[in-house]
Every structure is written in structure tokens, then in C-alpha cells.
């Protein structure tokens, strides 16, 4: 099947790419992204890259560097009051929401999670 996109749509994708993808192919114009990031954005991130293991919530951020993970952790604390810790996964790091912030996370993203993704939050 051949998909055709209107030139205006293709230009829109290029704007997104030029805004958020570094010339090395890595993401980040973090300050710009942070301004637009909302509770809904957090919910989508959790539904996509989140995982629950018993009573822990993890955000699979292994593709980010240690410094980028630390920036993400600071951002979640400053913007949403969610405390995270770096959690080792082999030779990479990911974010783990601390127990004391699980209720806060649930309150923020709960209204936005689709029913099939509710399992990503511990009870």
C-alpha cells in the first residue's frame, strides 16, 4: 500500500524533527519540550514507556545518557512534584518513581490513561 502525504504535512514533520532532534540524531531541545509538557504528556509517556513491577513504576529511559536521565528526573520533580531515582538496567539507567510519589503520579495521569493501560499504575 502506498501512502501519500500532503506537502504541508511533510513540512510539519520537518518542523517537529528540527525542533526536537539534535543534528547527531539524538533528541533534545529539552527547554522547549519542558514548556509544553503537561499531565497528558506524562500520561502518554507512561502508557508508552512505563512499566509497573510490583509496587514500582519505571520509565524506560535507557536510550538517554546519564546526564539526560538526571535532567529528566529534575524536571519531573520541579514540574510535577514527582521524585524519581535512577535505576540500573544492565549498563544503562532508567527512571524509577519513588514509593512516596506513586499517589501523586496516579492523581496526575489517572484521568488520562485509557482503560487498557491502567495496569501501568500500581494499586
N, C-alpha and C. Protein backbone atom coordinates (compact mmCIF):
# COMPACT_ATOMS: atom_id res chain seq x y z
N UNK A 1 0.84 -1.17 0.00
CA UNK A 1 0.00 0.00 0.00
C UNK A 1 0.89 1.23 0.00
N UNK A 2 0.60 2.18 -0.83
CA UNK A 2 1.36 3.41 -0.97
C UNK A 2 0.63 4.51 -0.21
N UNK A 3 1.34 5.18 0.69
CA UNK A 3 0.76 6.30 1.43
C UNK A 3 1.30 7.59 0.85
N UNK A 4 0.43 8.52 0.58
CA UNK A 4 0.83 9.82 0.08
C UNK A 4 0.51 10.87 1.13
N UNK A 5 1.47 11.76 1.35
CA UNK A 5 1.28 12.83 2.33
C UNK A 5 1.29 14.17 1.62
N UNK A 6 0.43 15.05 2.05
CA UNK A 6 0.41 16.41 1.50
C UNK A 6 1.70 17.13 1.87
N UNK A 7 2.20 17.99 0.99
CA UNK A 7 3.44 18.73 1.29
C UNK A 7 3.38 19.48 2.61
N UNK A 8 2.22 20.02 2.97
CA UNK A 8 2.11 20.75 4.24
C UNK A 8 2.32 19.83 5.43
N UNK A 9 1.87 18.58 5.34
CA UNK A 9 2.08 17.62 6.41
C UNK A 9 3.55 17.25 6.52
N UNK A 10 4.19 17.07 5.39
CA UNK A 10 5.62 16.75 5.40
C UNK A 10 6.40 17.90 6.02
N UNK A 11 6.04 19.15 5.69
CA UNK A 11 6.71 20.30 6.31
C UNK A 11 6.49 20.30 7.82
N UNK A 12 5.30 19.91 8.26
CA UNK A 12 5.03 19.84 9.70
C UNK A 12 5.93 18.84 10.39
N UNK A 13 6.15 17.67 9.76
CA UNK A 13 7.06 16.68 10.33
C UNK A 13 8.47 17.23 10.41
N UNK A 14 8.89 17.99 9.40
CA UNK A 14 10.23 18.56 9.40
C UNK A 14 10.39 19.59 10.52
N UNK A 15 9.35 20.36 10.79
CA UNK A 15 9.40 21.32 11.89
C UNK A 15 9.59 20.57 13.21
N UNK A 16 8.84 19.50 13.39
CA UNK A 16 8.98 18.70 14.61
C UNK A 16 10.39 18.13 14.71
N UNK A 17 10.87 17.56 13.62
CA UNK A 17 12.22 16.99 13.63
C UNK A 17 13.26 18.04 13.94
N UNK A 18 13.18 19.19 13.30
CA UNK A 18 14.16 20.25 13.53
C UNK A 18 14.07 20.84 14.92
N UNK A 19 12.90 20.74 15.54
CA UNK A 19 12.72 21.27 16.88
C UNK A 19 13.29 20.34 17.95
N UNK A 20 13.10 19.04 17.77
CA UNK A 20 13.43 18.12 18.86
C UNK A 20 14.57 17.16 18.59
N UNK A 21 15.06 17.06 17.38
CA UNK A 21 16.12 16.11 17.08
C UNK A 21 17.42 16.86 16.86
N UNK A 22 18.42 16.53 17.63
CA UNK A 22 19.75 17.14 17.52
C UNK A 22 20.39 16.68 16.22
N UNK A 23 21.35 17.44 15.71
CA UNK A 23 21.98 17.10 14.44
C UNK A 23 22.70 15.75 14.48
N UNK A 24 23.00 15.26 15.67
CA UNK A 24 23.63 13.95 15.79
C UNK A 24 22.61 12.83 15.70
N UNK A 25 21.33 13.19 15.60
CA UNK A 25 20.27 12.19 15.56
C UNK A 25 19.68 11.93 16.93
N UNK A 26 20.25 12.57 17.94
CA UNK A 26 19.74 12.40 19.31
C UNK A 26 18.73 13.49 19.62
N UNK A 27 17.79 13.13 20.44
CA UNK A 27 16.76 14.06 20.87
C UNK A 27 17.36 15.13 21.74
N UNK A 28 16.81 16.29 21.69
CA UNK A 28 16.78 17.21 22.79
C UNK A 28 16.92 18.67 22.48
N UNK A 29 15.88 19.31 22.63
CA UNK A 29 15.80 20.73 22.91
C UNK A 29 14.88 20.72 24.11
N UNK A 30 15.46 20.31 25.21
CA UNK A 30 14.67 20.00 26.39
C UNK A 30 13.89 21.19 26.91
N UNK A 31 14.51 22.37 26.93
CA UNK A 31 13.82 23.54 27.48
C UNK A 31 12.53 23.82 26.71
N UNK A 32 12.57 23.68 25.40
CA UNK A 32 11.38 23.89 24.59
C UNK A 32 10.33 22.82 24.87
N UNK A 33 10.74 21.59 24.97
CA UNK A 33 9.83 20.49 25.26
C UNK A 33 9.20 20.67 26.65
N UNK A 34 9.99 21.06 27.62
CA UNK A 34 9.51 21.18 29.00
C UNK A 34 8.38 22.19 29.13
N UNK A 35 8.41 23.25 28.35
CA UNK A 35 7.35 24.26 28.42
C UNK A 35 6.01 23.69 28.00
N UNK A 36 6.01 22.77 27.05
CA UNK A 36 4.78 22.22 26.51
C UNK A 36 4.31 20.96 27.22
N UNK A 37 5.16 20.38 28.05
CA UNK A 37 4.88 19.09 28.68
C UNK A 37 3.80 19.24 29.74
N UNK A 38 2.76 18.43 29.66
CA UNK A 38 1.61 18.53 30.56
C UNK A 38 1.35 17.19 31.25
N UNK A 39 0.31 17.16 32.06
CA UNK A 39 -0.11 15.90 32.69
C UNK A 39 -0.49 14.88 31.61
N UNK A 40 -1.13 15.35 30.56
CA UNK A 40 -1.48 14.46 29.45
C UNK A 40 -0.21 13.91 28.80
N UNK A 41 0.80 14.75 28.60
CA UNK A 41 2.07 14.29 28.04
C UNK A 41 2.69 13.22 28.91
N UNK A 42 2.64 13.44 30.22
CA UNK A 42 3.18 12.46 31.16
C UNK A 42 2.41 11.15 31.08
N UNK A 43 1.10 11.23 30.94
CA UNK A 43 0.28 10.02 30.81
C UNK A 43 0.63 9.25 29.54
N UNK A 44 0.80 9.95 28.44
CA UNK A 44 1.17 9.29 27.18
C UNK A 44 2.53 8.64 27.32
N UNK A 45 3.47 9.33 27.95
CA UNK A 45 4.82 8.78 28.18
C UNK A 45 4.72 7.50 29.01
N UNK A 46 3.92 7.55 30.07
CA UNK A 46 3.76 6.37 30.93
C UNK A 46 3.12 5.21 30.15
N UNK A 47 2.09 5.50 29.36
CA UNK A 47 1.44 4.43 28.59
C UNK A 47 2.39 3.82 27.57
N UNK A 48 3.30 4.62 27.04
CA UNK A 48 4.24 4.14 26.03
C UNK A 48 5.46 3.46 26.66
N UNK A 49 6.14 4.15 27.53
CA UNK A 49 7.43 3.68 28.06
C UNK A 49 7.40 3.32 29.53
N UNK A 50 6.25 3.31 30.13
CA UNK A 50 6.15 2.98 31.55
C UNK A 50 5.99 1.49 31.78
N UNK A 51 6.39 1.08 32.96
CA UNK A 51 6.24 -0.33 33.35
C UNK A 51 6.02 -0.37 34.85
N UNK A 52 5.20 -1.30 35.26
CA UNK A 52 4.99 -1.50 36.69
C UNK A 52 5.57 -2.85 37.06
N UNK A 53 6.27 -2.88 38.18
CA UNK A 53 6.83 -4.12 38.71
C UNK A 53 6.52 -4.13 40.20
N UNK A 54 5.56 -4.96 40.55
CA UNK A 54 5.00 -4.97 41.90
C UNK A 54 4.47 -3.58 42.21
N UNK A 55 5.10 -2.86 43.15
CA UNK A 55 4.61 -1.53 43.50
C UNK A 55 5.50 -0.42 42.95
N UNK A 56 6.34 -0.75 42.00
CA UNK A 56 7.23 0.24 41.42
C UNK A 56 6.74 0.64 40.03
N UNK A 57 6.97 1.91 39.69
CA UNK A 57 6.72 2.38 38.34
C UNK A 57 8.06 2.80 37.76
N UNK A 58 8.34 2.31 36.58
CA UNK A 58 9.58 2.66 35.90
C UNK A 58 9.26 3.33 34.58
N UNK A 59 10.07 4.31 34.24
CA UNK A 59 10.01 4.92 32.92
C UNK A 59 11.26 4.46 32.18
N UNK A 60 11.06 3.77 31.11
CA UNK A 60 12.19 3.18 30.37
C UNK A 60 12.89 4.24 29.54
N UNK A 61 13.88 4.83 30.16
CA UNK A 61 14.64 5.93 29.56
C UNK A 61 16.07 5.50 29.25
N UNK A 62 16.26 4.22 29.00
CA UNK A 62 17.60 3.68 28.78
C UNK A 62 18.30 4.27 27.55
N UNK A 63 17.55 4.83 26.62
CA UNK A 63 18.20 5.40 25.44
C UNK A 63 18.82 6.76 25.73
N UNK A 64 18.52 7.33 26.88
CA UNK A 64 19.10 8.61 27.26
C UNK A 64 20.39 8.40 28.04
N UNK A 65 21.27 9.39 27.98
CA UNK A 65 22.52 9.34 28.74
C UNK A 65 22.23 9.53 30.23
N UNK A 66 23.24 9.30 31.05
CA UNK A 66 23.10 9.52 32.49
C UNK A 66 22.71 10.97 32.76
N UNK A 67 23.38 11.91 32.11
CA UNK A 67 23.08 13.33 32.32
C UNK A 67 21.65 13.66 31.88
N UNK A 68 21.19 13.10 30.77
CA UNK A 68 19.83 13.34 30.31
C UNK A 68 18.81 12.74 31.27
N UNK A 69 19.10 11.56 31.82
CA UNK A 69 18.22 10.97 32.82
C UNK A 69 18.15 11.84 34.07
N UNK A 70 19.27 12.39 34.48
CA UNK A 70 19.28 13.28 35.64
C UNK A 70 18.46 14.54 35.37
N UNK A 71 18.54 15.05 34.14
CA UNK A 71 17.74 16.21 33.75
C UNK A 71 16.25 15.86 33.79
N UNK A 72 15.90 14.70 33.25
CA UNK A 72 14.50 14.26 33.29
C UNK A 72 14.00 14.11 34.72
N UNK A 73 14.83 13.55 35.59
CA UNK A 73 14.47 13.38 36.99
C UNK A 73 14.22 14.73 37.66
N UNK A 74 15.12 15.68 37.42
CA UNK A 74 14.95 17.03 37.99
C UNK A 74 13.70 17.70 37.44
N UNK A 75 13.44 17.51 36.17
CA UNK A 75 12.26 18.08 35.54
C UNK A 75 10.98 17.54 36.17
N UNK A 76 10.89 16.22 36.34
CA UNK A 76 9.69 15.63 36.94
C UNK A 76 9.46 16.14 38.35
N UNK A 77 10.54 16.34 39.09
CA UNK A 77 10.44 16.87 40.46
C UNK A 77 9.95 18.32 40.42
N UNK A 78 10.57 19.14 39.57
CA UNK A 78 10.24 20.57 39.54
C UNK A 78 8.84 20.84 38.97
N UNK A 79 8.49 20.16 37.90
CA UNK A 79 7.23 20.46 37.23
C UNK A 79 6.02 19.77 37.88
N UNK A 80 6.21 18.54 38.35
CA UNK A 80 5.07 17.76 38.84
C UNK A 80 5.17 17.32 40.30
N UNK A 81 6.30 17.57 40.94
CA UNK A 81 6.48 17.11 42.32
C UNK A 81 6.63 15.61 42.42
N UNK A 82 7.14 14.98 41.37
CA UNK A 82 7.34 13.53 41.34
C UNK A 82 8.82 13.24 41.53
N UNK A 83 9.12 12.50 42.59
CA UNK A 83 10.50 12.12 42.88
C UNK A 83 10.83 10.81 42.16
N UNK A 84 11.97 10.79 41.53
CA UNK A 84 12.43 9.57 40.86
C UNK A 84 13.87 9.30 41.28
N UNK A 85 14.28 8.09 41.07
CA UNK A 85 15.67 7.67 41.28
C UNK A 85 16.12 6.98 40.01
N UNK A 86 17.43 7.00 39.80
CA UNK A 86 17.98 6.26 38.67
C UNK A 86 18.04 4.79 39.05
N UNK A 87 17.62 3.96 38.16
CA UNK A 87 17.57 2.52 38.37
C UNK A 87 18.40 1.87 37.29
N UNK A 88 19.34 1.02 37.68
CA UNK A 88 20.22 0.36 36.71
C UNK A 88 19.48 -0.73 35.95
N UNK A 89 19.70 -0.77 34.66
CA UNK A 89 19.21 -1.83 33.80
C UNK A 89 20.38 -2.24 32.91
N UNK A 90 21.07 -3.26 33.33
CA UNK A 90 22.31 -3.69 32.69
C UNK A 90 23.31 -2.53 32.74
N UNK A 91 23.73 -2.02 31.60
CA UNK A 91 24.73 -0.95 31.60
C UNK A 91 24.11 0.44 31.37
N UNK A 92 22.78 0.53 31.45
CA UNK A 92 22.08 1.79 31.22
C UNK A 92 21.25 2.16 32.44
N UNK A 93 20.70 3.36 32.42
CA UNK A 93 19.84 3.83 33.51
C UNK A 93 18.42 4.05 33.01
N UNK A 94 17.50 3.94 33.93
CA UNK A 94 16.11 4.30 33.67
C UNK A 94 15.60 4.97 34.93
N UNK A 95 14.44 5.60 34.85
CA UNK A 95 13.87 6.29 36.00
C UNK A 95 12.89 5.39 36.73
N UNK A 96 12.97 5.43 38.05
CA UNK A 96 12.03 4.70 38.90
C UNK A 96 11.35 5.73 39.79
N UNK A 97 10.03 5.74 39.79
CA UNK A 97 9.27 6.65 40.64
C UNK A 97 9.34 6.11 42.07
N UNK A 98 9.73 6.97 43.02
CA UNK A 98 9.84 6.51 44.41
C UNK A 98 8.45 6.27 44.98
N UNK A 99 8.38 5.38 45.96
CA UNK A 99 7.09 5.00 46.56
C UNK A 99 6.26 6.20 46.99
N UNK A 100 6.92 7.20 47.59
CA UNK A 100 6.20 8.35 48.11
C UNK A 100 5.54 9.19 47.00
N UNK A 101 5.95 9.01 45.76
CA UNK A 101 5.39 9.80 44.66
C UNK A 101 4.39 9.03 43.80
N UNK A 102 4.15 7.77 44.12
CA UNK A 102 3.22 6.97 43.31
C UNK A 102 1.81 7.56 43.33
N UNK A 103 1.33 7.97 44.50
CA UNK A 103 -0.01 8.55 44.58
C UNK A 103 -0.08 9.84 43.77
N UNK A 104 0.94 10.66 43.86
CA UNK A 104 0.99 11.91 43.09
C UNK A 104 0.92 11.59 41.58
N UNK A 105 1.71 10.63 41.14
CA UNK A 105 1.70 10.22 39.74
C UNK A 105 0.31 9.74 39.34
N UNK A 106 -0.29 8.91 40.16
CA UNK A 106 -1.63 8.38 39.88
C UNK A 106 -2.64 9.51 39.76
N UNK A 107 -2.57 10.48 40.67
CA UNK A 107 -3.51 11.61 40.64
C UNK A 107 -3.34 12.45 39.36
N UNK A 108 -2.10 12.62 38.92
CA UNK A 108 -1.84 13.44 37.73
C UNK A 108 -2.25 12.76 36.43
N UNK A 109 -1.88 11.50 36.28
CA UNK A 109 -2.08 10.84 34.99
C UNK A 109 -3.34 9.97 34.93
N UNK A 110 -3.89 9.59 36.07
CA UNK A 110 -5.05 8.71 36.11
C UNK A 110 -6.19 9.13 35.19
N UNK A 111 -6.56 10.41 35.19
CA UNK A 111 -7.67 10.83 34.33
C UNK A 111 -7.41 10.67 32.83
N UNK A 112 -6.15 10.54 32.44
CA UNK A 112 -5.80 10.48 31.03
C UNK A 112 -5.49 9.07 30.53
N UNK A 113 -5.30 8.13 31.43
CA UNK A 113 -4.95 6.78 30.99
C UNK A 113 -6.17 6.10 30.39
N UNK A 114 -5.96 5.45 29.27
CA UNK A 114 -7.05 4.67 28.69
C UNK A 114 -7.20 3.39 29.52
N UNK A 115 -8.39 2.83 29.58
CA UNK A 115 -8.63 1.68 30.46
C UNK A 115 -7.64 0.53 30.30
N UNK A 116 -7.24 0.24 29.09
CA UNK A 116 -6.32 -0.89 28.88
C UNK A 116 -4.92 -0.62 29.40
N UNK A 117 -4.63 0.60 29.81
CA UNK A 117 -3.29 0.95 30.31
C UNK A 117 -3.28 1.20 31.82
N UNK A 118 -4.40 1.04 32.48
CA UNK A 118 -4.46 1.28 33.92
C UNK A 118 -3.52 0.35 34.70
N UNK A 119 -3.19 -0.78 34.11
CA UNK A 119 -2.29 -1.73 34.79
C UNK A 119 -0.89 -1.13 34.98
N UNK A 120 -0.58 -0.04 34.32
CA UNK A 120 0.74 0.57 34.43
C UNK A 120 0.89 1.39 35.71
N UNK A 121 -0.18 1.47 36.49
CA UNK A 121 -0.12 2.12 37.80
C UNK A 121 -0.40 1.08 38.87
N UNK A 122 0.44 1.02 39.90
CA UNK A 122 0.15 0.08 40.98
C UNK A 122 -1.10 0.49 41.75
N UNK A 123 -1.76 -0.46 42.34
CA UNK A 123 -3.00 -0.17 43.10
C UNK A 123 -2.72 0.64 44.33
